[in-house]
Every structure is written in structure tokens, then in C-alpha cells.
N, C-alpha and C. Protein backbone atom coordinates (compact mmCIF):
# COMPACT_ATOMS: atom_id res chain seq x y z
N MET A 1 48.45 -94.85 35.76
CA MET A 1 48.03 -93.46 35.68
C MET A 1 46.92 -93.21 36.70
N THR A 2 47.03 -92.11 37.41
CA THR A 2 46.03 -91.81 38.47
C THR A 2 45.24 -90.55 38.12
N VAL A 3 44.28 -90.73 37.22
CA VAL A 3 43.46 -89.62 36.79
C VAL A 3 42.09 -89.75 37.45
N THR A 4 41.70 -88.75 38.19
CA THR A 4 40.36 -88.73 38.76
C THR A 4 39.43 -88.24 37.67
N ALA A 5 38.17 -88.61 37.72
CA ALA A 5 37.23 -88.26 36.67
C ALA A 5 37.24 -86.76 36.39
N GLY A 6 37.68 -86.39 35.19
CA GLY A 6 37.67 -84.99 34.80
C GLY A 6 38.82 -84.20 35.36
N GLN A 7 39.75 -84.86 35.99
CA GLN A 7 40.89 -84.07 36.61
C GLN A 7 42.20 -84.83 36.31
N TRP A 8 43.17 -84.09 35.78
CA TRP A 8 44.48 -84.62 35.41
C TRP A 8 45.61 -83.86 36.07
N GLN A 9 46.60 -84.59 36.53
CA GLN A 9 47.80 -83.92 37.01
C GLN A 9 48.55 -83.41 35.79
N LEU A 10 49.20 -82.28 35.91
CA LEU A 10 49.88 -81.65 34.78
C LEU A 10 50.79 -82.60 34.03
N GLN A 11 51.62 -83.31 34.74
CA GLN A 11 52.58 -84.22 34.13
C GLN A 11 51.87 -85.32 33.34
N GLU A 12 50.77 -85.82 33.90
CA GLU A 12 50.01 -86.87 33.20
C GLU A 12 49.26 -86.32 32.01
N ALA A 13 48.79 -85.09 32.15
CA ALA A 13 48.10 -84.44 31.02
C ALA A 13 49.05 -84.27 29.83
N LYS A 14 50.30 -83.92 30.14
CA LYS A 14 51.31 -83.77 29.06
C LYS A 14 51.63 -85.11 28.44
N GLN A 15 51.81 -86.14 29.27
CA GLN A 15 52.21 -87.43 28.77
C GLN A 15 51.10 -88.15 28.01
N HIS A 16 49.86 -87.84 28.36
CA HIS A 16 48.71 -88.54 27.74
C HIS A 16 47.78 -87.54 27.07
N PHE A 17 48.36 -86.60 26.36
CA PHE A 17 47.58 -85.51 25.75
C PHE A 17 46.44 -86.02 24.86
N SER A 18 46.73 -87.02 24.02
CA SER A 18 45.70 -87.55 23.15
C SER A 18 44.54 -88.14 23.93
N GLU A 19 44.84 -88.79 25.03
CA GLU A 19 43.80 -89.34 25.90
C GLU A 19 42.97 -88.22 26.52
N LEU A 20 43.68 -87.16 26.94
CA LEU A 20 43.02 -86.00 27.53
C LEU A 20 42.02 -85.40 26.52
N ILE A 21 42.43 -85.25 25.29
CA ILE A 21 41.58 -84.66 24.26
C ILE A 21 40.35 -85.62 24.02
N ARG A 22 40.61 -86.91 24.01
CA ARG A 22 39.49 -87.85 23.86
C ARG A 22 38.48 -87.72 25.00
N ALA A 23 39.01 -87.54 26.23
CA ALA A 23 38.13 -87.37 27.40
C ALA A 23 37.32 -86.06 27.28
N VAL A 24 37.92 -85.04 26.73
CA VAL A 24 37.19 -83.78 26.55
C VAL A 24 36.01 -84.01 25.61
N ARG A 25 36.26 -84.70 24.53
CA ARG A 25 35.22 -84.94 23.51
C ARG A 25 34.09 -85.82 24.05
N THR A 26 34.45 -86.78 24.89
CA THR A 26 33.43 -87.72 25.38
C THR A 26 32.81 -87.38 26.72
N ASP A 27 33.63 -86.77 27.61
CA ASP A 27 33.16 -86.56 29.00
C ASP A 27 33.01 -85.08 29.37
N GLY A 28 33.37 -84.18 28.46
CA GLY A 28 33.26 -82.75 28.74
C GLY A 28 34.56 -82.17 29.27
N PRO A 29 34.50 -80.96 29.78
CA PRO A 29 35.70 -80.21 30.27
C PRO A 29 36.57 -81.08 31.21
N GLN A 30 37.86 -80.95 31.07
CA GLN A 30 38.80 -81.69 31.91
C GLN A 30 39.70 -80.67 32.62
N PHE A 31 39.91 -80.84 33.89
CA PHE A 31 40.70 -79.94 34.69
C PHE A 31 42.11 -80.46 34.84
N VAL A 32 43.08 -79.55 34.76
CA VAL A 32 44.49 -79.89 34.94
C VAL A 32 44.96 -79.29 36.27
N THR A 33 45.63 -80.13 37.06
CA THR A 33 46.11 -79.63 38.38
C THR A 33 47.62 -79.62 38.45
N LYS A 34 48.12 -78.76 39.26
CA LYS A 34 49.53 -78.63 39.55
C LYS A 34 49.66 -78.50 41.07
N HIS A 35 50.36 -79.41 41.68
CA HIS A 35 50.49 -79.45 43.15
C HIS A 35 49.14 -79.45 43.81
N GLY A 36 48.17 -80.16 43.24
CA GLY A 36 46.87 -80.29 43.80
C GLY A 36 45.90 -79.16 43.57
N GLN A 37 46.35 -78.11 42.92
CA GLN A 37 45.47 -76.94 42.62
C GLN A 37 45.10 -76.94 41.14
N GLN A 38 43.82 -76.68 40.85
CA GLN A 38 43.39 -76.61 39.46
C GLN A 38 44.04 -75.36 38.82
N VAL A 39 44.71 -75.55 37.69
CA VAL A 39 45.40 -74.44 37.05
C VAL A 39 44.91 -74.21 35.63
N ALA A 40 44.19 -75.18 35.06
CA ALA A 40 43.71 -75.00 33.69
C ALA A 40 42.52 -75.92 33.46
N VAL A 41 41.77 -75.58 32.44
CA VAL A 41 40.68 -76.46 31.99
C VAL A 41 40.78 -76.61 30.49
N VAL A 42 40.56 -77.83 30.01
CA VAL A 42 40.59 -78.07 28.57
C VAL A 42 39.14 -78.31 28.13
N LEU A 43 38.77 -77.50 27.13
CA LEU A 43 37.36 -77.53 26.64
C LEU A 43 37.30 -78.00 25.22
N ASP A 44 36.14 -78.54 24.84
CA ASP A 44 35.85 -78.84 23.46
C ASP A 44 35.73 -77.49 22.71
N ILE A 45 36.18 -77.43 21.46
CA ILE A 45 36.16 -76.18 20.71
C ILE A 45 34.75 -75.62 20.61
N VAL A 46 33.74 -76.49 20.49
CA VAL A 46 32.38 -76.02 20.38
C VAL A 46 31.94 -75.26 21.62
N ASP A 47 32.28 -75.83 22.78
CA ASP A 47 31.98 -75.15 24.06
C ASP A 47 32.69 -73.82 24.17
N TYR A 48 33.97 -73.79 23.75
CA TYR A 48 34.76 -72.58 23.82
C TYR A 48 34.15 -71.46 22.95
N ARG A 49 33.81 -71.83 21.70
CA ARG A 49 33.20 -70.82 20.80
C ARG A 49 31.86 -70.34 21.33
N ARG A 50 31.07 -71.21 21.91
CA ARG A 50 29.79 -70.80 22.48
C ARG A 50 29.97 -69.83 23.62
N MET A 51 31.01 -70.13 24.50
CA MET A 51 31.26 -69.31 25.66
C MET A 51 31.81 -67.90 25.29
N THR A 52 32.65 -67.86 24.27
CA THR A 52 33.30 -66.63 23.91
C THR A 52 32.57 -65.86 22.86
N GLY A 53 31.52 -66.45 22.23
CA GLY A 53 30.80 -65.77 21.19
C GLY A 53 31.57 -65.75 19.89
N ALA A 54 32.56 -66.60 19.76
CA ALA A 54 33.41 -66.63 18.54
C ALA A 54 32.62 -67.06 17.34
N ASP A 55 31.51 -67.78 17.49
CA ASP A 55 30.73 -68.23 16.37
C ASP A 55 29.56 -67.32 16.09
N VAL A 56 29.50 -66.19 16.74
CA VAL A 56 28.45 -65.20 16.53
C VAL A 56 28.79 -64.37 15.27
N VAL A 57 27.83 -64.27 14.36
CA VAL A 57 28.06 -63.54 13.13
C VAL A 57 27.80 -62.06 13.39
N ASP A 58 28.70 -61.21 12.87
CA ASP A 58 28.49 -59.76 13.06
C ASP A 58 27.31 -59.32 12.20
N PHE A 59 26.76 -58.17 12.54
CA PHE A 59 25.51 -57.67 11.89
C PHE A 59 25.67 -57.50 10.41
N LYS A 60 26.81 -56.97 9.97
CA LYS A 60 27.03 -56.76 8.54
C LYS A 60 27.00 -58.07 7.81
N SER A 61 27.67 -59.09 8.33
CA SER A 61 27.66 -60.40 7.67
C SER A 61 26.27 -61.02 7.67
N PHE A 62 25.54 -60.81 8.78
CA PHE A 62 24.17 -61.31 8.87
C PHE A 62 23.32 -60.70 7.74
N LEU A 63 23.41 -59.38 7.55
CA LEU A 63 22.60 -58.75 6.54
C LEU A 63 23.01 -59.27 5.13
N GLY A 64 24.31 -59.52 4.96
CA GLY A 64 24.75 -60.04 3.66
C GLY A 64 24.28 -61.45 3.41
N SER A 65 23.88 -62.16 4.43
CA SER A 65 23.44 -63.54 4.26
C SER A 65 21.93 -63.68 4.06
N VAL A 66 21.20 -62.58 4.09
CA VAL A 66 19.74 -62.61 3.91
C VAL A 66 19.46 -63.00 2.45
N PRO A 67 18.56 -63.96 2.25
CA PRO A 67 18.22 -64.38 0.89
C PRO A 67 17.51 -63.27 0.13
N ASP A 68 17.45 -63.38 -1.19
CA ASP A 68 16.82 -62.43 -2.08
C ASP A 68 15.32 -62.38 -1.73
N LEU A 69 14.85 -61.20 -1.36
CA LEU A 69 13.44 -61.01 -0.93
C LEU A 69 12.57 -60.44 -2.06
N SER A 70 13.11 -60.31 -3.27
CA SER A 70 12.36 -59.67 -4.36
C SER A 70 11.12 -60.46 -4.74
N GLU A 71 11.05 -61.75 -4.45
CA GLU A 71 9.89 -62.59 -4.80
C GLU A 71 8.75 -62.46 -3.78
N LEU A 72 8.98 -61.86 -2.63
CA LEU A 72 7.96 -61.74 -1.61
C LEU A 72 6.98 -60.61 -2.00
N ASP A 73 5.71 -60.81 -1.59
CA ASP A 73 4.74 -59.76 -1.78
C ASP A 73 4.78 -58.84 -0.60
N LEU A 74 5.46 -57.71 -0.72
CA LEU A 74 5.64 -56.79 0.40
C LEU A 74 4.94 -55.45 0.13
N GLU A 75 3.77 -55.50 -0.53
CA GLU A 75 3.03 -54.25 -0.79
C GLU A 75 2.33 -53.79 0.45
N ARG A 76 2.41 -52.47 0.63
CA ARG A 76 1.79 -51.87 1.79
C ARG A 76 0.30 -51.58 1.53
N SER A 77 -0.49 -51.72 2.56
CA SER A 77 -1.92 -51.46 2.42
C SER A 77 -2.18 -49.99 2.15
N THR A 78 -3.18 -49.71 1.31
CA THR A 78 -3.53 -48.32 0.99
C THR A 78 -4.68 -47.81 1.88
N ALA A 79 -5.18 -48.70 2.78
CA ALA A 79 -6.28 -48.30 3.68
C ALA A 79 -5.76 -47.22 4.59
N PRO A 80 -6.63 -46.24 4.93
CA PRO A 80 -6.19 -45.17 5.83
C PRO A 80 -5.89 -45.72 7.25
N ALA A 81 -5.00 -45.07 7.89
CA ALA A 81 -4.65 -45.46 9.26
C ALA A 81 -5.80 -45.19 10.19
N ARG A 82 -5.89 -45.93 11.29
CA ARG A 82 -7.02 -45.68 12.23
C ARG A 82 -6.72 -44.40 12.99
N THR A 83 -7.79 -43.84 13.51
CA THR A 83 -7.70 -42.62 14.29
C THR A 83 -7.40 -43.00 15.71
N VAL A 84 -6.46 -42.28 16.30
CA VAL A 84 -6.08 -42.50 17.70
C VAL A 84 -6.33 -41.20 18.45
N GLU A 85 -7.04 -41.33 19.57
CA GLU A 85 -7.28 -40.15 20.40
C GLU A 85 -6.37 -40.14 21.58
N PHE A 86 -5.70 -39.00 21.80
CA PHE A 86 -4.79 -38.84 22.93
C PHE A 86 -5.51 -38.04 24.00
N GLU A 87 -5.41 -38.47 25.21
CA GLU A 87 -6.07 -37.73 26.32
C GLU A 87 -5.06 -37.13 27.20
């Protein structure tokens, strides 16, 4: 097999797919070539989700995940506000 570091010929990538996936997990993204031209890249799922924002929680879900705040002391001060002069 003639695989350059991080680069696989398409036919070899197909024949050695498990090896390709192992290389992705240990060495990072792997490029697949066809007739000497890079045509695809195989990424670890963690990298893919980070790049696409697939693991980003939408705002509604984020608000739903906030813990119960009823035990916090959130009383507002009764002191008068300071005076601000506008010029």
C-alpha cells in the first residue's frame, strides 16, 4: 500500500477503510485523492461538529437547561440611584 502521510488514493481508501478511520482518529484529517487531485477529506466527528456548529445548543434549549435559581438571593437594593448630570 502506498499511502503518503494523511493522503490516500481513492482505491486504497476504499480497500482499507477501517485503517483510514483509525488514521483519522490518531493522526487527524485524511485526504483522499483521485488521479493525483485531492477530492475529499475524512474528518473525526468531533472536528466536523465543531466546524459546522452541530454541537451548538439553540437558545431555547439553553434557557431550558438553566438550573433552578429560586435559592439565590436576588433581591434588588432599595438605595436610591445616583444622580447623573448630562451636559
